[in-house]
mmCIF file of all heavy atoms, coordinates in Angstrom:
data_MODEL
# 
_entry.id   MODEL 
# 
loop_
_atom_site.group_PDB 
_atom_site.id 
_atom_site.type_symbol 
_atom_site.label_atom_id 
_atom_site.label_alt_id 
_atom_site.label_comp_id 
_atom_site.label_asym_id 
_atom_site.label_entity_id 
_atom_site.label_seq_id 
_atom_site.pdbx_PDB_ins_code 
_atom_site.Cartn_x 
_atom_site.Cartn_y 
_atom_site.Cartn_z 
_atom_site.occupancy 
_atom_site.B_iso_or_equiv 
_atom_site.pdbx_formal_charge 
_atom_site.auth_seq_id 
_atom_site.auth_comp_id 
_atom_site.auth_asym_id 
_atom_site.auth_atom_id 
_atom_site.pdbx_PDB_model_num 
ATOM 1   N N   . HIS A 1 1  ? 113.659 65.891 64.980 1.00 0.00 ? 1  HIS A N   1 
ATOM 2   C CA  . HIS A 1 1  ? 113.870 66.539 66.264 1.00 0.00 ? 1  HIS A CA  1 
ATOM 3   C C   . HIS A 1 1  ? 113.187 67.885 66.117 1.00 0.00 ? 1  HIS A C   1 
ATOM 4   O O   . HIS A 1 1  ? 113.071 68.427 65.015 1.00 0.00 ? 1  HIS A O   1 
ATOM 5   C CB  . HIS A 1 1  ? 115.364 66.699 66.574 1.00 0.00 ? 1  HIS A CB  1 
ATOM 6   C CG  . HIS A 1 1  ? 115.648 67.247 67.944 1.00 0.00 ? 1  HIS A CG  1 
ATOM 7   N ND1 . HIS A 1 1  ? 115.465 68.586 68.261 1.00 0.00 ? 1  HIS A ND1 1 
ATOM 8   C CD2 . HIS A 1 1  ? 116.095 66.656 69.088 1.00 0.00 ? 1  HIS A CD2 1 
ATOM 9   C CE1 . HIS A 1 1  ? 115.788 68.787 69.528 1.00 0.00 ? 1  HIS A CE1 1 
ATOM 10  N NE2 . HIS A 1 1  ? 116.166 67.632 70.063 1.00 0.00 ? 1  HIS A NE2 1 
ATOM 11  N N   . VAL A 1 2  ? 112.738 68.457 67.202 1.00 0.00 ? 2  VAL A N   1 
ATOM 12  C CA  . VAL A 1 2  ? 111.966 69.694 67.112 1.00 0.00 ? 2  VAL A CA  1 
ATOM 13  C C   . VAL A 1 2  ? 112.800 70.862 66.575 1.00 0.00 ? 2  VAL A C   1 
ATOM 14  O O   . VAL A 1 2  ? 112.266 71.761 65.914 1.00 0.00 ? 2  VAL A O   1 
ATOM 15  C CB  . VAL A 1 2  ? 111.350 70.048 68.474 1.00 0.00 ? 2  VAL A CB  1 
ATOM 16  C CG1 . VAL A 1 2  ? 112.399 70.473 69.485 1.00 0.00 ? 2  VAL A CG1 1 
ATOM 17  C CG2 . VAL A 1 2  ? 110.264 71.112 68.317 1.00 0.00 ? 2  VAL A CG2 1 
ATOM 18  N N   . TRP A 1 3  ? 114.112 70.879 66.818 1.00 0.00 ? 3  TRP A N   1 
ATOM 19  C CA  . TRP A 1 3  ? 114.903 72.035 66.401 1.00 0.00 ? 3  TRP A CA  1 
ATOM 20  C C   . TRP A 1 3  ? 114.955 72.208 64.887 1.00 0.00 ? 3  TRP A C   1 
ATOM 21  O O   . TRP A 1 3  ? 114.814 73.327 64.399 1.00 0.00 ? 3  TRP A O   1 
ATOM 22  C CB  . TRP A 1 3  ? 116.306 71.965 67.007 1.00 0.00 ? 3  TRP A CB  1 
ATOM 23  C CG  . TRP A 1 3  ? 116.297 72.079 68.505 1.00 0.00 ? 3  TRP A CG  1 
ATOM 24  C CD1 . TRP A 1 3  ? 115.290 72.611 69.285 1.00 0.00 ? 3  TRP A CD1 1 
ATOM 25  C CD2 . TRP A 1 3  ? 117.301 71.658 69.411 1.00 0.00 ? 3  TRP A CD2 1 
ATOM 26  N NE1 . TRP A 1 3  ? 115.612 72.538 70.609 1.00 0.00 ? 3  TRP A NE1 1 
ATOM 27  C CE2 . TRP A 1 3  ? 116.843 71.960 70.729 1.00 0.00 ? 3  TRP A CE2 1 
ATOM 28  C CE3 . TRP A 1 3  ? 118.539 71.065 69.261 1.00 0.00 ? 3  TRP A CE3 1 
ATOM 29  C CZ2 . TRP A 1 3  ? 117.604 71.683 71.865 1.00 0.00 ? 3  TRP A CZ2 1 
ATOM 30  C CZ3 . TRP A 1 3  ? 119.298 70.779 70.390 1.00 0.00 ? 3  TRP A CZ3 1 
ATOM 31  C CH2 . TRP A 1 3  ? 118.828 71.090 71.674 1.00 0.00 ? 3  TRP A CH2 1 
ATOM 32  N N   . PRO A 1 4  ? 115.154 71.145 64.091 1.00 0.00 ? 4  PRO A N   1 
ATOM 33  C CA  . PRO A 1 4  ? 115.051 71.338 62.644 1.00 0.00 ? 4  PRO A CA  1 
ATOM 34  C C   . PRO A 1 4  ? 113.670 71.824 62.206 1.00 0.00 ? 4  PRO A C   1 
ATOM 35  O O   . PRO A 1 4  ? 113.562 72.630 61.270 1.00 0.00 ? 4  PRO A O   1 
ATOM 36  C CB  . PRO A 1 4  ? 115.351 69.940 62.079 1.00 0.00 ? 4  PRO A CB  1 
ATOM 37  C CG  . PRO A 1 4  ? 116.164 69.274 63.127 1.00 0.00 ? 4  PRO A CG  1 
ATOM 38  C CD  . PRO A 1 4  ? 115.637 69.788 64.427 1.00 0.00 ? 4  PRO A CD  1 
ATOM 39  N N   . ALA A 1 5  ? 112.622 71.350 62.864 1.00 0.00 ? 5  ALA A N   1 
ATOM 40  C CA  . ALA A 1 5  ? 111.272 71.811 62.513 1.00 0.00 ? 5  ALA A CA  1 
ATOM 41  C C   . ALA A 1 5  ? 111.113 73.289 62.861 1.00 0.00 ? 5  ALA A C   1 
ATOM 42  O O   . ALA A 1 5  ? 110.583 74.077 62.063 1.00 0.00 ? 5  ALA A O   1 
ATOM 43  C CB  . ALA A 1 5  ? 110.227 70.967 63.238 1.00 0.00 ? 5  ALA A CB  1 
ATOM 44  N N   . GLN A 1 6  ? 111.557 73.683 64.050 1.00 0.00 ? 6  GLN A N   1 
ATOM 45  C CA  . GLN A 1 6  ? 111.485 75.091 64.439 1.00 0.00 ? 6  GLN A CA  1 
ATOM 46  C C   . GLN A 1 6  ? 112.326 75.958 63.497 1.00 0.00 ? 6  GLN A C   1 
ATOM 47  O O   . GLN A 1 6  ? 111.887 77.034 63.058 1.00 0.00 ? 6  GLN A O   1 
ATOM 48  C CB  . GLN A 1 6  ? 111.963 75.267 65.878 1.00 0.00 ? 6  GLN A CB  1 
ATOM 49  C CG  . GLN A 1 6  ? 111.035 74.680 66.920 1.00 0.00 ? 6  GLN A CG  1 
ATOM 50  C CD  . GLN A 1 6  ? 111.637 74.688 68.323 1.00 0.00 ? 6  GLN A CD  1 
ATOM 51  O OE1 . GLN A 1 6  ? 112.841 74.908 68.497 1.00 0.00 ? 6  GLN A OE1 1 
ATOM 52  N NE2 . GLN A 1 6  ? 110.803 74.450 69.326 1.00 0.00 ? 6  GLN A NE2 1 
ATOM 53  N N   . ALA A 1 7  ? 113.533 75.482 63.184 1.00 0.00 ? 7  ALA A N   1 
ATOM 54  C CA  . ALA A 1 7  ? 114.410 76.241 62.286 1.00 0.00 ? 7  ALA A CA  1 
ATOM 55  C C   . ALA A 1 7  ? 113.765 76.411 60.916 1.00 0.00 ? 7  ALA A C   1 
ATOM 56  O O   . ALA A 1 7  ? 113.836 77.495 60.316 1.00 0.00 ? 7  ALA A O   1 
ATOM 57  C CB  . ALA A 1 7  ? 115.756 75.530 62.153 1.00 0.00 ? 7  ALA A CB  1 
ATOM 58  N N   . ALA A 1 8  ? 113.134 75.358 60.419 1.00 0.00 ? 8  ALA A N   1 
ATOM 59  C CA  . ALA A 1 8  ? 112.488 75.424 59.103 1.00 0.00 ? 8  ALA A CA  1 
ATOM 60  C C   . ALA A 1 8  ? 111.352 76.440 59.100 1.00 0.00 ? 8  ALA A C   1 
ATOM 61  O O   . ALA A 1 8  ? 111.161 77.182 58.126 1.00 0.00 ? 8  ALA A O   1 
ATOM 62  C CB  . ALA A 1 8  ? 111.974 74.041 58.718 1.00 0.00 ? 8  ALA A CB  1 
ATOM 63  N N   . ILE A 1 9  ? 110.593 76.491 60.183 1.00 0.00 ? 9  ILE A N   1 
ATOM 64  C CA  . ILE A 1 9  ? 109.507 77.470 60.287 1.00 0.00 ? 9  ILE A CA  1 
ATOM 65  C C   . ILE A 1 9  ? 110.074 78.891 60.295 1.00 0.00 ? 9  ILE A C   1 
ATOM 66  O O   . ILE A 1 9  ? 109.586 79.782 59.589 1.00 0.00 ? 9  ILE A O   1 
ATOM 67  C CB  . ILE A 1 9  ? 108.657 77.210 61.547 1.00 0.00 ? 9  ILE A CB  1 
ATOM 68  C CG1 . ILE A 1 9  ? 107.900 75.880 61.439 1.00 0.00 ? 9  ILE A CG1 1 
ATOM 69  C CG2 . ILE A 1 9  ? 107.688 78.363 61.779 1.00 0.00 ? 9  ILE A CG2 1 
ATOM 70  C CD1 . ILE A 1 9  ? 106.872 75.825 60.343 1.00 0.00 ? 9  ILE A CD1 1 
ATOM 71  N N   . HIS A 1 10 ? 111.117 79.122 61.092 1.00 0.00 ? 10 HIS A N   1 
ATOM 72  C CA  . HIS A 1 10 ? 111.741 80.445 61.137 1.00 0.00 ? 10 HIS A CA  1 
ATOM 73  C C   . HIS A 1 10 ? 112.335 80.828 59.780 1.00 0.00 ? 10 HIS A C   1 
ATOM 74  O O   . HIS A 1 10 ? 112.393 82.021 59.444 1.00 0.00 ? 10 HIS A O   1 
ATOM 75  C CB  . HIS A 1 10 ? 112.824 80.485 62.210 1.00 0.00 ? 10 HIS A CB  1 
ATOM 76  C CG  . HIS A 1 10 ? 112.294 80.548 63.608 1.00 0.00 ? 10 HIS A CG  1 
ATOM 77  N ND1 . HIS A 1 10 ? 111.553 81.607 64.080 1.00 0.00 ? 10 HIS A ND1 1 
ATOM 78  C CD2 . HIS A 1 10 ? 112.376 79.671 64.645 1.00 0.00 ? 10 HIS A CD2 1 
ATOM 79  C CE1 . HIS A 1 10 ? 111.210 81.396 65.337 1.00 0.00 ? 10 HIS A CE1 1 
ATOM 80  N NE2 . HIS A 1 10 ? 111.696 80.221 65.713 1.00 0.00 ? 10 HIS A NE2 1 
ATOM 81  N N   . ALA A 1 11 ? 112.769 79.823 59.007 1.00 0.00 ? 11 ALA A N   1 
ATOM 82  C CA  . ALA A 1 11 ? 113.358 80.073 57.687 1.00 0.00 ? 11 ALA A CA  1 
ATOM 83  C C   . ALA A 1 11 ? 112.302 80.162 56.589 1.00 0.00 ? 11 ALA A C   1 
ATOM 84  O O   . ALA A 1 11 ? 112.645 80.267 55.409 1.00 0.00 ? 11 ALA A O   1 
ATOM 85  C CB  . ALA A 1 11 ? 114.365 78.975 57.359 1.00 0.00 ? 11 ALA A CB  1 
ATOM 86  N N   . LYS A 1 12 ? 111.027 80.072 56.988 1.00 0.00 ? 12 LYS A N   1 
ATOM 87  C CA  . LYS A 1 12 ? 109.902 80.198 56.058 1.00 0.00 ? 12 LYS A CA  1 
ATOM 88  C C   . LYS A 1 12 ? 109.810 79.047 55.050 1.00 0.00 ? 12 LYS A C   1 
ATOM 89  O O   . LYS A 1 12 ? 109.360 79.239 53.914 1.00 0.00 ? 12 LYS A O   1 
ATOM 90  C CB  . LYS A 1 12 ? 109.948 81.547 55.333 1.00 0.00 ? 12 LYS A CB  1 
ATOM 91  C CG  . LYS A 1 12 ? 109.788 82.736 56.291 1.00 0.00 ? 12 LYS A CG  1 
ATOM 92  C CD  . LYS A 1 12 ? 109.821 84.067 55.557 1.00 0.00 ? 12 LYS A CD  1 
ATOM 93  C CE  . LYS A 1 12 ? 109.426 85.205 56.491 1.00 0.00 ? 12 LYS A CE  1 
ATOM 94  N NZ  . LYS A 1 12 ? 110.254 85.310 57.690 1.00 0.00 ? 12 LYS A NZ  1 
ATOM 95  N N   . MET A 1 13 ? 110.236 77.867 55.471 1.00 0.00 ? 13 MET A N   1 
ATOM 96  C CA  . MET A 1 13 ? 109.934 76.674 54.687 1.00 0.00 ? 13 MET A CA  1 
ATOM 97  C C   . MET A 1 13 ? 108.423 76.473 54.710 1.00 0.00 ? 13 MET A C   1 
ATOM 98  O O   . MET A 1 13 ? 107.775 76.674 55.743 1.00 0.00 ? 13 MET A O   1 
ATOM 99  C CB  . MET A 1 13 ? 110.657 75.455 55.262 1.00 0.00 ? 13 MET A CB  1 
ATOM 100 C CG  . MET A 1 13 ? 112.177 75.544 55.216 1.00 0.00 ? 13 MET A CG  1 
ATOM 101 S SD  . MET A 1 13 ? 112.880 75.523 53.558 1.00 0.00 ? 13 MET A SD  1 
ATOM 102 C CE  . MET A 1 13 ? 112.609 73.795 53.097 1.00 0.00 ? 13 MET A CE  1 
ATOM 103 N N   . LYS A 1 14 ? 107.848 76.042 53.608 1.00 0.00 ? 14 LYS A N   1 
ATOM 104 C CA  . LYS A 1 14 ? 106.390 76.083 53.467 1.00 0.00 ? 14 LYS A CA  1 
ATOM 105 C C   . LYS A 1 14 ? 105.666 74.842 53.984 1.00 0.00 ? 14 LYS A C   1 
ATOM 106 O O   . LYS A 1 14 ? 104.520 74.929 54.435 1.00 0.00 ? 14 LYS A O   1 
ATOM 107 C CB  . LYS A 1 14 ? 106.022 76.299 51.989 1.00 0.00 ? 14 LYS A CB  1 
ATOM 108 C CG  . LYS A 1 14 ? 106.476 77.637 51.452 1.00 0.00 ? 14 LYS A CG  1 
ATOM 109 C CD  . LYS A 1 14 ? 106.285 77.752 49.952 1.00 0.00 ? 14 LYS A CD  1 
ATOM 110 C CE  . LYS A 1 14 ? 104.806 77.811 49.577 1.00 0.00 ? 14 LYS A CE  1 
ATOM 111 N NZ  . LYS A 1 14 ? 104.645 78.043 48.110 1.00 0.00 ? 14 LYS A NZ  1 
ATOM 112 N N   . TYR A 1 15 ? 106.317 73.674 53.920 1.00 0.00 ? 15 TYR A N   1 
ATOM 113 C CA  . TYR A 1 15 ? 105.629 72.420 54.254 1.00 0.00 ? 15 TYR A CA  1 
ATOM 114 C C   . TYR A 1 15 ? 106.456 71.655 55.281 1.00 0.00 ? 15 TYR A C   1 
ATOM 115 O O   . TYR A 1 15 ? 107.360 70.888 54.931 1.00 0.00 ? 15 TYR A O   1 
ATOM 116 C CB  . TYR A 1 15 ? 105.402 71.575 52.994 1.00 0.00 ? 15 TYR A CB  1 
ATOM 117 C CG  . TYR A 1 15 ? 104.873 72.396 51.836 1.00 0.00 ? 15 TYR A CG  1 
ATOM 118 C CD1 . TYR A 1 15 ? 105.639 72.617 50.688 1.00 0.00 ? 15 TYR A CD1 1 
ATOM 119 C CD2 . TYR A 1 15 ? 103.613 72.987 51.898 1.00 0.00 ? 15 TYR A CD2 1 
ATOM 120 C CE1 . TYR A 1 15 ? 105.161 73.378 49.637 1.00 0.00 ? 15 TYR A CE1 1 
ATOM 121 C CE2 . TYR A 1 15 ? 103.122 73.759 50.849 1.00 0.00 ? 15 TYR A CE2 1 
ATOM 122 C CZ  . TYR A 1 15 ? 103.908 73.952 49.735 1.00 0.00 ? 15 TYR A CZ  1 
ATOM 123 O OH  . TYR A 1 15 ? 103.420 74.726 48.695 1.00 0.00 ? 15 TYR A OH  1 
ATOM 124 N N   . VAL A 1 16 ? 106.152 71.883 56.547 1.00 0.00 ? 16 VAL A N   1 
ATOM 125 C CA  . VAL A 1 16 ? 106.974 71.345 57.637 1.00 0.00 ? 16 VAL A CA  1 
ATOM 126 C C   . VAL A 1 16 ? 106.161 70.365 58.473 1.00 0.00 ? 16 VAL A C   1 
ATOM 127 O O   . VAL A 1 16 ? 105.092 70.714 59.000 1.00 0.00 ? 16 VAL A O   1 
ATOM 128 C CB  . VAL A 1 16 ? 107.508 72.473 58.540 1.00 0.00 ? 16 VAL A CB  1 
ATOM 129 C CG1 . VAL A 1 16 ? 108.427 71.894 59.616 1.00 0.00 ? 16 VAL A CG1 1 
ATOM 130 C CG2 . VAL A 1 16 ? 108.243 73.522 57.724 1.00 0.00 ? 16 VAL A CG2 1 
ATOM 131 N N   . VAL A 1 17 ? 106.675 69.144 58.587 1.00 0.00 ? 17 VAL A N   1 
ATOM 132 C CA  . VAL A 1 17 ? 106.108 68.134 59.475 1.00 0.00 ? 17 VAL A CA  1 
ATOM 133 C C   . VAL A 1 17 ? 107.087 67.933 60.621 1.00 0.00 ? 17 VAL A C   1 
ATOM 134 O O   . VAL A 1 17 ? 108.289 67.783 60.407 1.00 0.00 ? 17 VAL A O   1 
ATOM 135 C CB  . VAL A 1 17 ? 105.865 66.805 58.725 1.00 0.00 ? 17 VAL A CB  1 
ATOM 136 C CG1 . VAL A 1 17 ? 105.476 65.690 59.703 1.00 0.00 ? 17 VAL A CG1 1 
ATOM 137 C CG2 . VAL A 1 17 ? 104.785 66.972 57.658 1.00 0.00 ? 17 VAL A CG2 1 
ATOM 138 N N   . ASN A 1 18 ? 106.571 67.941 61.835 1.00 0.00 ? 18 ASN A N   1 
ATOM 139 C CA  . ASN A 1 18 ? 107.386 67.775 63.041 1.00 0.00 ? 18 ASN A CA  1 
ATOM 140 C C   . ASN A 1 18 ? 107.051 66.430 63.671 1.00 0.00 ? 18 ASN A C   1 
ATOM 141 O O   . ASN A 1 18 ? 105.986 66.260 64.258 1.00 0.00 ? 18 ASN A O   1 
ATOM 142 C CB  . ASN A 1 18 ? 107.099 68.923 64.017 1.00 0.00 ? 18 ASN A CB  1 
ATOM 143 C CG  . ASN A 1 18 ? 107.821 68.770 65.347 1.00 0.00 ? 18 ASN A CG  1 
ATOM 144 O OD1 . ASN A 1 18 ? 108.898 68.190 65.412 1.00 0.00 ? 18 ASN A OD1 1 
ATOM 145 N ND2 . ASN A 1 18 ? 107.222 69.291 66.403 1.00 0.00 ? 18 ASN A ND2 1 
ATOM 146 N N   . ALA A 1 19 ? 107.949 65.443 63.516 1.00 0.00 ? 19 ALA A N   1 
ATOM 147 C CA  . ALA A 1 19 ? 107.709 64.085 64.007 1.00 0.00 ? 19 ALA A CA  1 
ATOM 148 C C   . ALA A 1 19 ? 108.089 63.990 65.477 1.00 0.00 ? 19 ALA A C   1 
ATOM 149 O O   . ALA A 1 19 ? 109.272 63.927 65.824 1.00 0.00 ? 19 ALA A O   1 
ATOM 150 C CB  . ALA A 1 19 ? 108.500 63.070 63.181 1.00 0.00 ? 19 ALA A CB  1 
ATOM 151 N N   . ILE A 1 20 ? 107.088 63.974 66.345 1.00 0.00 ? 20 ILE A N   1 
ATOM 152 C CA  . ILE A 1 20 ? 107.327 63.920 67.791 1.00 0.00 ? 20 ILE A CA  1 
ATOM 153 C C   . ILE A 1 20 ? 107.729 62.498 68.184 1.00 0.00 ? 20 ILE A C   1 
ATOM 154 O O   . ILE A 1 20 ? 107.028 61.543 67.856 1.00 0.00 ? 20 ILE A O   1 
ATOM 155 C CB  . ILE A 1 20 ? 106.072 64.369 68.560 1.00 0.00 ? 20 ILE A CB  1 
ATOM 156 C CG1 . ILE A 1 20 ? 105.823 65.859 68.303 1.00 0.00 ? 20 ILE A CG1 1 
ATOM 157 C CG2 . ILE A 1 20 ? 106.211 64.096 70.044 1.00 0.00 ? 20 ILE A CG2 1 
ATOM 158 C CD1 . ILE A 1 20 ? 104.575 66.409 68.969 1.00 0.00 ? 20 ILE A CD1 1 
ATOM 159 N N   . PRO A 1 21 ? 108.851 62.326 68.905 1.00 0.00 ? 21 PRO A N   1 
ATOM 160 C CA  . PRO A 1 21 ? 109.357 60.983 69.180 1.00 0.00 ? 21 PRO A CA  1 
ATOM 161 C C   . PRO A 1 21 ? 108.765 60.292 70.396 1.00 0.00 ? 21 PRO A C   1 
ATOM 162 O O   . PRO A 1 21 ? 108.677 59.067 70.430 1.00 0.00 ? 21 PRO A O   1 
ATOM 163 C CB  . PRO A 1 21 ? 110.856 61.210 69.378 1.00 0.00 ? 21 PRO A CB  1 
ATOM 164 C CG  . PRO A 1 21 ? 110.943 62.606 69.918 1.00 0.00 ? 21 PRO A CG  1 
ATOM 165 C CD  . PRO A 1 21 ? 109.817 63.372 69.262 1.00 0.00 ? 21 PRO A CD  1 
ATOM 166 N N   . ASP A 1 22 ? 108.375 61.049 71.425 1.00 0.00 ? 22 ASP A N   1 
ATOM 167 C CA  . ASP A 1 22 ? 108.076 60.430 72.719 1.00 0.00 ? 22 ASP A CA  1 
ATOM 168 C C   . ASP A 1 22 ? 106.590 60.191 72.935 1.00 0.00 ? 22 ASP A C   1 
ATOM 169 O O   . ASP A 1 22 ? 105.738 60.780 72.275 1.00 0.00 ? 22 ASP A O   1 
ATOM 170 C CB  . ASP A 1 22 ? 108.607 61.310 73.861 1.00 0.00 ? 22 ASP A CB  1 
ATOM 171 C CG  . ASP A 1 22 ? 110.126 61.356 73.890 1.00 0.00 ? 22 ASP A CG  1 
ATOM 172 O OD1 . ASP A 1 22 ? 110.746 60.304 73.690 1.00 0.00 ? 22 ASP A OD1 1 
ATOM 173 O OD2 . ASP A 1 22 ? 110.687 62.441 74.106 1.00 0.00 ? 22 ASP A OD2 1 
ATOM 174 N N   . ASN A 1 23 ? 106.301 59.347 73.924 1.00 0.00 ? 23 ASN A N   1 
ATOM 175 C CA  . ASN A 1 23 ? 104.927 59.028 74.307 1.00 0.00 ? 23 ASN A CA  1 
ATOM 176 C C   . ASN A 1 23 ? 104.499 59.813 75.541 1.00 0.00 ? 23 ASN A C   1 
ATOM 177 O O   . ASN A 1 23 ? 103.456 59.552 76.116 1.00 0.00 ? 23 ASN A O   1 
ATOM 178 C CB  . ASN A 1 23 ? 104.797 57.516 74.573 1.00 0.00 ? 23 ASN A CB  1 
ATOM 179 C CG  . ASN A 1 23 ? 103.351 57.061 74.648 1.00 0.00 ? 23 ASN A CG  1 
ATOM 180 O OD1 . ASN A 1 23 ? 102.474 57.640 74.007 1.00 0.00 ? 23 ASN A OD1 1 
ATOM 181 N ND2 . ASN A 1 23 ? 103.072 56.024 75.427 1.00 0.00 ? 23 ASN A ND2 1 
ATOM 182 N N   . TRP A 1 24 ? 105.329 60.758 75.970 1.00 0.00 ? 24 TRP A N   1 
ATOM 183 C CA  . TRP A 1 24 ? 105.026 61.603 77.120 1.00 0.00 ? 24 TRP A CA  1 
ATOM 184 C C   . TRP A 1 24 ? 104.951 63.044 76.614 1.00 0.00 ? 24 TRP A C   1 
ATOM 185 O O   . TRP A 1 24 ? 105.957 63.600 76.171 1.00 0.00 ? 24 TRP A O   1 
ATOM 186 C CB  . TRP A 1 24 ? 106.116 61.470 78.181 1.00 0.00 ? 24 TRP A CB  1 
ATOM 187 C CG  . TRP A 1 24 ? 106.034 62.416 79.345 1.00 0.00 ? 24 TRP A CG  1 
ATOM 188 C CD1 . TRP A 1 24 ? 106.954 63.377 79.679 1.00 0.00 ? 24 TRP A CD1 1 
ATOM 189 C CD2 . TRP A 1 24 ? 105.008 62.504 80.340 1.00 0.00 ? 24 TRP A CD2 1 
ATOM 190 N NE1 . TRP A 1 24 ? 106.569 64.050 80.808 1.00 0.00 ? 24 TRP A NE1 1 
ATOM 191 C CE2 . TRP A 1 24 ? 105.358 63.533 81.244 1.00 0.00 ? 24 TRP A CE2 1 
ATOM 192 C CE3 . TRP A 1 24 ? 103.816 61.809 80.552 1.00 0.00 ? 24 TRP A CE3 1 
ATOM 193 C CZ2 . TRP A 1 24 ? 104.590 63.884 82.335 1.00 0.00 ? 24 TRP A CZ2 1 
ATOM 194 C CZ3 . TRP A 1 24 ? 103.034 62.156 81.644 1.00 0.00 ? 24 TRP A CZ3 1 
ATOM 195 C CH2 . TRP A 1 24 ? 103.417 63.173 82.520 1.00 0.00 ? 24 TRP A CH2 1 
ATOM 196 N N   . PRO A 1 25 ? 103.783 63.682 76.630 1.00 0.00 ? 25 PRO A N   1 
ATOM 197 C CA  . PRO A 1 25 ? 103.641 65.019 76.049 1.00 0.00 ? 25 PRO A CA  1 
ATOM 198 C C   . PRO A 1 25 ? 104.534 66.055 76.743 1.00 0.00 ? 25 PRO A C   1 
ATOM 199 O O   . PRO A 1 25 ? 104.459 66.235 77.959 1.00 0.00 ? 25 PRO A O   1 
ATOM 200 C CB  . PRO A 1 25 ? 102.156 65.340 76.262 1.00 0.00 ? 25 PRO A CB  1 
ATOM 201 C CG  . PRO A 1 25 ? 101.492 64.007 76.378 1.00 0.00 ? 25 PRO A CG  1 
ATOM 202 C CD  . PRO A 1 25 ? 102.484 63.140 77.088 1.00 0.00 ? 25 PRO A CD  1 
ATOM 203 N N   . MET A 1 26 ? 105.356 66.734 75.938 1.00 0.00 ? 26 MET A N   1 
ATOM 204 C CA  . MET A 1 26 ? 106.260 67.765 76.451 1.00 0.00 ? 26 MET A CA  1 
ATOM 205 C C   . MET A 1 26 ? 106.267 68.949 75.497 1.00 0.00 ? 26 MET A C   1 
ATOM 206 O O   . MET A 1 26 ? 106.352 68.770 74.266 1.00 0.00 ? 26 MET A O   1 
ATOM 207 C CB  . MET A 1 26 ? 107.688 67.218 76.593 1.00 0.00 ? 26 MET A CB  1 
ATOM 208 C CG  . MET A 1 26 ? 107.832 66.109 77.619 1.00 0.00 ? 26 MET A CG  1 
ATOM 209 S SD  . MET A 1 26 ? 109.570 65.666 77.924 1.00 0.00 ? 26 MET A SD  1 
ATOM 210 C CE  . MET A 1 26 ? 109.989 64.816 76.402 1.00 0.00 ? 26 MET A CE  1 
ATOM 211 N N   . ALA A 1 27 ? 106.224 70.150 76.037 1.00 0.00 ? 27 ALA A N   1 
ATOM 212 C CA  . ALA A 1 27 ? 106.276 71.353 75.203 1.00 0.00 ? 27 ALA A CA  1 
ATOM 213 C C   . ALA A 1 27 ? 107.597 71.448 74.450 1.00 0.00 ? 27 ALA A C   1 
ATOM 214 O O   . ALA A 1 27 ? 107.684 72.133 73.428 1.00 0.00 ? 27 ALA A O   1 
ATOM 215 C CB  . ALA A 1 27 ? 106.062 72.597 76.063 1.00 0.00 ? 27 ALA A CB  1 
ATOM 216 N N   . LEU A 1 28 ? 108.624 70.778 74.959 1.00 0.00 ? 28 LEU A N   1 
ATOM 217 C CA  . LEU A 1 28 ? 109.899 70.700 74.254 1.00 0.00 ? 28 LEU A CA  1 
ATOM 218 C C   . LEU A 1 28 ? 109.705 70.380 72.778 1.00 0.00 ? 28 LEU A C   1 
ATOM 219 O O   . LEU A 1 28 ? 110.419 70.888 71.906 1.00 0.00 ? 28 LEU A O   1 
ATOM 220 C CB  . LEU A 1 28 ? 110.765 69.616 74.912 1.00 0.00 ? 28 LEU A CB  1 
ATOM 221 C CG  . LEU A 1 28 ? 111.944 69.043 74.114 1.00 0.00 ? 28 LEU A CG  1 
ATOM 222 C CD1 . LEU A 1 28 ? 113.040 70.083 74.013 1.00 0.00 ? 28 LEU A CD1 1 
ATOM 223 C CD2 . LEU A 1 28 ? 112.482 67.773 74.749 1.00 0.00 ? 28 LEU A CD2 1 
ATOM 224 N N   . HIS A 1 29 ? 108.720 69.527 72.451 1.00 0.00 ? 29 HIS A N   1 
ATOM 225 C CA  . HIS A 1 29 ? 108.566 69.025 71.088 1.00 0.00 ? 29 HIS A CA  1 
ATOM 226 C C   . HIS A 1 29 ? 107.652 69.874 70.205 1.00 0.00 ? 29 HIS A C   1 
ATOM 227 O O   . HIS A 1 29 ? 107.346 69.471 69.081 1.00 0.00 ? 29 HIS A O   1 
ATOM 228 C CB  . HIS A 1 29 ? 108.033 67.593 71.132 1.00 0.00 ? 29 HIS A CB  1 
ATOM 229 C CG  . HIS A 1 29 ? 108.998 66.603 71.714 1.00 0.00 ? 29 HIS A CG  1 
ATOM 230 N ND1 . HIS A 1 29 ? 110.275 66.433 71.234 1.00 0.00 ? 29 HIS A ND1 1 
ATOM 231 C CD2 . HIS A 1 29 ? 108.874 65.728 72.752 1.00 0.00 ? 29 HIS A CD2 1 
ATOM 232 C CE1 . HIS A 1 29 ? 110.897 65.504 71.944 1.00 0.00 ? 29 HIS A CE1 1 
ATOM 233 N NE2 . HIS A 1 29 ? 110.081 65.072 72.871 1.00 0.00 ? 29 HIS A NE2 1 
# 
């Protein structure tokens, strides 16, 4: 989900992959 990815970036995790779930492009993700 995007929130764990965003949280990891804010926490300065170094290697973050954000798995987008939907087939409809949304800035939410």
